[in-house]
Amino acid sequence: MHTIMIKLDSIDRVKEFVRIITAFDNDFDLRSGRYTVDAKSILGIFSLDLSRPIELDIYGKDNLDEVVAALKLFEV
């Protein structure tokens, strides 16, 4: 598992984030405080506090560099 901090502070950024990660077969979780949601779920993402950075857990190492590069736009 690899963890990065991301910022999803607008509806457009959430939509773009989900569009990008659904292209990968990896599993992704978003953690905010004690809450964890599937990062591919738009409804799950909107249940989190988006006013502050969120932890993104990326599972699988096969294409980790490619996933991290695709998500650079969202990193804090």
N, C-alpha and C. Protein backbone atom coordinates (compact mmCIF):
# COMPACT_ATOMS: atom_id res chain seq x y z
N MET A 1 0.85 -1.19 0.00
CA MET A 1 0.00 0.00 0.00
C MET A 1 0.89 1.24 0.00
N HIS A 2 0.47 2.23 -0.75
CA HIS A 2 1.16 3.51 -0.85
C HIS A 2 0.14 4.60 -0.52
N THR A 3 0.51 5.59 0.29
CA THR A 3 -0.40 6.65 0.70
C THR A 3 0.12 8.00 0.24
N ILE A 4 -0.79 8.81 -0.34
CA ILE A 4 -0.46 10.19 -0.68
C ILE A 4 -1.58 11.09 -0.16
N MET A 5 -1.25 12.34 0.06
CA MET A 5 -2.24 13.33 0.49
C MET A 5 -2.73 14.07 -0.76
N ILE A 6 -4.05 14.19 -0.88
CA ILE A 6 -4.63 14.88 -2.02
C ILE A 6 -5.63 15.92 -1.55
N LYS A 7 -5.99 16.81 -2.45
CA LYS A 7 -6.98 17.86 -2.18
C LYS A 7 -8.05 17.79 -3.26
N LEU A 8 -9.30 17.62 -2.85
CA LEU A 8 -10.44 17.59 -3.76
C LEU A 8 -11.41 18.68 -3.31
N ASP A 9 -11.13 19.92 -3.72
CA ASP A 9 -11.87 21.06 -3.17
C ASP A 9 -12.94 21.62 -4.09
N SER A 10 -13.32 20.89 -5.14
CA SER A 10 -14.42 21.34 -6.00
C SER A 10 -15.08 20.12 -6.64
N ILE A 11 -16.28 20.31 -7.10
CA ILE A 11 -17.02 19.23 -7.76
C ILE A 11 -16.27 18.77 -9.01
N ASP A 12 -15.75 19.71 -9.78
CA ASP A 12 -15.02 19.36 -11.00
C ASP A 12 -13.77 18.53 -10.70
N ARG A 13 -13.08 18.87 -9.62
CA ARG A 13 -11.88 18.10 -9.24
C ARG A 13 -12.26 16.69 -8.80
N VAL A 14 -13.37 16.54 -8.09
CA VAL A 14 -13.82 15.21 -7.67
C VAL A 14 -14.16 14.38 -8.91
N LYS A 15 -14.88 14.95 -9.86
CA LYS A 15 -15.25 14.22 -11.08
C LYS A 15 -14.02 13.82 -11.88
N GLU A 16 -13.05 14.71 -12.00
CA GLU A 16 -11.82 14.41 -12.74
C GLU A 16 -11.01 13.34 -12.02
N PHE A 17 -10.95 13.42 -10.70
CA PHE A 17 -10.23 12.43 -9.89
C PHE A 17 -10.83 11.04 -10.11
N VAL A 18 -12.14 10.92 -10.01
CA VAL A 18 -12.80 9.62 -10.17
C VAL A 18 -12.62 9.11 -11.60
N ARG A 19 -12.69 10.00 -12.58
CA ARG A 19 -12.49 9.60 -13.98
C ARG A 19 -11.09 8.99 -14.16
N ILE A 20 -10.09 9.61 -13.55
CA ILE A 20 -8.71 9.13 -13.69
C ILE A 20 -8.52 7.79 -13.00
N ILE A 21 -8.96 7.65 -11.76
CA ILE A 21 -8.65 6.41 -11.03
C ILE A 21 -9.48 5.22 -11.50
N THR A 22 -10.64 5.47 -12.08
CA THR A 22 -11.41 4.33 -12.58
C THR A 22 -10.75 3.68 -13.79
N ALA A 23 -9.79 4.36 -14.40
CA ALA A 23 -9.04 3.78 -15.52
C ALA A 23 -8.05 2.72 -15.04
N PHE A 24 -7.77 2.68 -13.74
CA PHE A 24 -6.82 1.72 -13.18
C PHE A 24 -7.56 0.60 -12.47
N ASP A 25 -6.99 -0.61 -12.52
CA ASP A 25 -7.59 -1.76 -11.85
C ASP A 25 -7.30 -1.81 -10.36
N ASN A 26 -6.41 -0.95 -9.90
CA ASN A 26 -6.04 -0.93 -8.48
C ASN A 26 -7.25 -0.63 -7.61
N ASP A 27 -7.13 -0.99 -6.34
CA ASP A 27 -8.11 -0.57 -5.34
C ASP A 27 -7.59 0.70 -4.69
N PHE A 28 -8.52 1.61 -4.38
CA PHE A 28 -8.17 2.89 -3.78
C PHE A 28 -9.13 3.18 -2.64
N ASP A 29 -8.62 3.68 -1.53
CA ASP A 29 -9.44 4.14 -0.41
C ASP A 29 -9.08 5.58 -0.10
N LEU A 30 -10.07 6.36 0.30
CA LEU A 30 -9.85 7.71 0.80
C LEU A 30 -10.14 7.70 2.28
N ARG A 31 -9.22 8.31 3.07
CA ARG A 31 -9.40 8.37 4.51
C ARG A 31 -9.39 9.81 4.97
N SER A 32 -10.40 10.14 5.76
CA SER A 32 -10.50 11.47 6.37
C SER A 32 -10.92 11.25 7.81
N GLY A 33 -9.98 11.47 8.72
CA GLY A 33 -10.28 11.19 10.13
C GLY A 33 -10.51 9.71 10.32
N ARG A 34 -11.63 9.35 10.90
CA ARG A 34 -11.92 7.93 11.13
C ARG A 34 -12.78 7.31 10.03
N TYR A 35 -13.07 8.07 8.99
CA TYR A 35 -13.90 7.58 7.89
C TYR A 35 -13.05 7.13 6.71
N THR A 36 -13.42 5.99 6.13
CA THR A 36 -12.76 5.45 4.95
C THR A 36 -13.83 5.12 3.92
N VAL A 37 -13.60 5.57 2.68
CA VAL A 37 -14.55 5.29 1.59
C VAL A 37 -13.79 4.79 0.38
N ASP A 38 -14.50 4.10 -0.50
CA ASP A 38 -13.95 3.67 -1.77
C ASP A 38 -13.72 4.91 -2.62
N ALA A 39 -12.49 5.12 -3.07
CA ALA A 39 -12.15 6.34 -3.81
C ALA A 39 -12.79 6.38 -5.19
N LYS A 40 -13.32 5.27 -5.67
CA LYS A 40 -13.98 5.27 -6.98
C LYS A 40 -15.47 5.61 -6.87
N SER A 41 -15.93 5.89 -5.66
CA SER A 41 -17.34 6.20 -5.41
C SER A 41 -17.53 7.70 -5.22
N ILE A 42 -18.19 8.34 -6.16
CA ILE A 42 -18.44 9.78 -6.06
C ILE A 42 -19.27 10.08 -4.82
N LEU A 43 -20.29 9.30 -4.55
CA LEU A 43 -21.12 9.53 -3.36
C LEU A 43 -20.30 9.36 -2.09
N GLY A 44 -19.43 8.37 -2.07
CA GLY A 44 -18.57 8.18 -0.90
C GLY A 44 -17.65 9.37 -0.67
N ILE A 45 -17.10 9.90 -1.75
CA ILE A 45 -16.19 11.05 -1.63
C ILE A 45 -16.93 12.25 -1.06
N PHE A 46 -18.14 12.48 -1.53
CA PHE A 46 -18.89 13.65 -1.04
C PHE A 46 -19.36 13.49 0.40
N SER A 47 -19.21 12.30 0.97
CA SER A 47 -19.55 12.13 2.39
C SER A 47 -18.39 12.56 3.30
N LEU A 48 -17.23 12.85 2.70
CA LEU A 48 -16.05 13.26 3.48
C LEU A 48 -15.97 14.78 3.58
N ASP A 49 -15.16 15.23 4.52
CA ASP A 49 -14.87 16.66 4.67
C ASP A 49 -13.84 17.04 3.61
N LEU A 50 -14.29 17.70 2.55
CA LEU A 50 -13.41 18.04 1.43
C LEU A 50 -12.72 19.39 1.59
N SER A 51 -12.90 20.03 2.72
CA SER A 51 -12.28 21.33 2.95
C SER A 51 -10.81 21.21 3.36
N ARG A 52 -10.36 19.99 3.62
CA ARG A 52 -8.97 19.78 4.02
C ARG A 52 -8.41 18.59 3.24
N PRO A 53 -7.09 18.43 3.23
CA PRO A 53 -6.48 17.31 2.49
C PRO A 53 -6.96 15.95 3.01
N ILE A 54 -6.98 14.98 2.11
CA ILE A 54 -7.47 13.63 2.38
C ILE A 54 -6.35 12.64 2.05
N GLU A 55 -6.27 11.55 2.80
CA GLU A 55 -5.29 10.51 2.52
C GLU A 55 -5.84 9.55 1.48
N LEU A 56 -5.06 9.29 0.44
CA LEU A 56 -5.43 8.32 -0.58
C LEU A 56 -4.52 7.11 -0.44
N ASP A 57 -5.12 5.94 -0.18
CA ASP A 57 -4.37 4.69 -0.10
C ASP A 57 -4.49 3.98 -1.45
N ILE A 58 -3.34 3.65 -2.01
CA ILE A 58 -3.28 2.96 -3.31
C ILE A 58 -2.78 1.55 -3.05
N TYR A 59 -3.57 0.55 -3.45
CA TYR A 59 -3.21 -0.85 -3.25
C TYR A 59 -2.69 -1.44 -4.56
N GLY A 60 -1.66 -2.25 -4.46
CA GLY A 60 -1.05 -2.85 -5.64
C GLY A 60 0.17 -2.06 -6.06
N LYS A 61 1.21 -2.76 -6.47
CA LYS A 61 2.47 -2.09 -6.80
C LYS A 61 2.84 -2.23 -8.27
N ASP A 62 2.05 -2.96 -9.03
CA ASP A 62 2.40 -3.23 -10.42
C ASP A 62 2.57 -1.96 -11.24
N ASN A 63 1.66 -1.03 -11.10
CA ASN A 63 1.69 0.20 -11.89
C ASN A 63 1.68 1.44 -10.99
N LEU A 64 2.30 1.34 -9.85
CA LEU A 64 2.26 2.41 -8.85
C LEU A 64 2.80 3.73 -9.40
N ASP A 65 3.91 3.69 -10.11
CA ASP A 65 4.47 4.93 -10.66
C ASP A 65 3.51 5.60 -11.62
N GLU A 66 2.84 4.82 -12.44
CA GLU A 66 1.87 5.36 -13.40
C GLU A 66 0.68 6.00 -12.68
N VAL A 67 0.19 5.35 -11.63
CA VAL A 67 -0.94 5.88 -10.86
C VAL A 67 -0.55 7.19 -10.19
N VAL A 68 0.58 7.22 -9.52
CA VAL A 68 1.05 8.42 -8.82
C VAL A 68 1.24 9.57 -9.80
N ALA A 69 1.80 9.27 -10.96
CA ALA A 69 2.01 10.32 -11.98
C ALA A 69 0.67 10.88 -12.46
N ALA A 70 -0.32 10.02 -12.64
CA ALA A 70 -1.64 10.47 -13.10
C ALA A 70 -2.34 11.34 -12.06
N LEU A 71 -1.99 11.17 -10.79
CA LEU A 71 -2.67 11.90 -9.71
C LEU A 71 -1.87 13.10 -9.20
N LYS A 72 -0.78 13.46 -9.85
CA LYS A 72 0.05 14.60 -9.43
C LYS A 72 -0.76 15.89 -9.28
N LEU A 73 -1.73 16.07 -10.14
CA LEU A 73 -2.57 17.28 -10.12
C LEU A 73 -3.29 17.46 -8.79
N PHE A 74 -3.57 16.38 -8.09
CA PHE A 74 -4.37 16.43 -6.87
C PHE A 74 -3.52 16.41 -5.60
N GLU A 75 -2.23 16.14 -5.71
CA GLU A 75 -1.37 16.06 -4.53
C GLU A 75 -1.22 17.39 -3.84
N VAL A 76 -1.10 17.30 -2.52
CA VAL A 76 -0.92 18.50 -1.69
C VAL A 76 0.57 18.71 -1.49
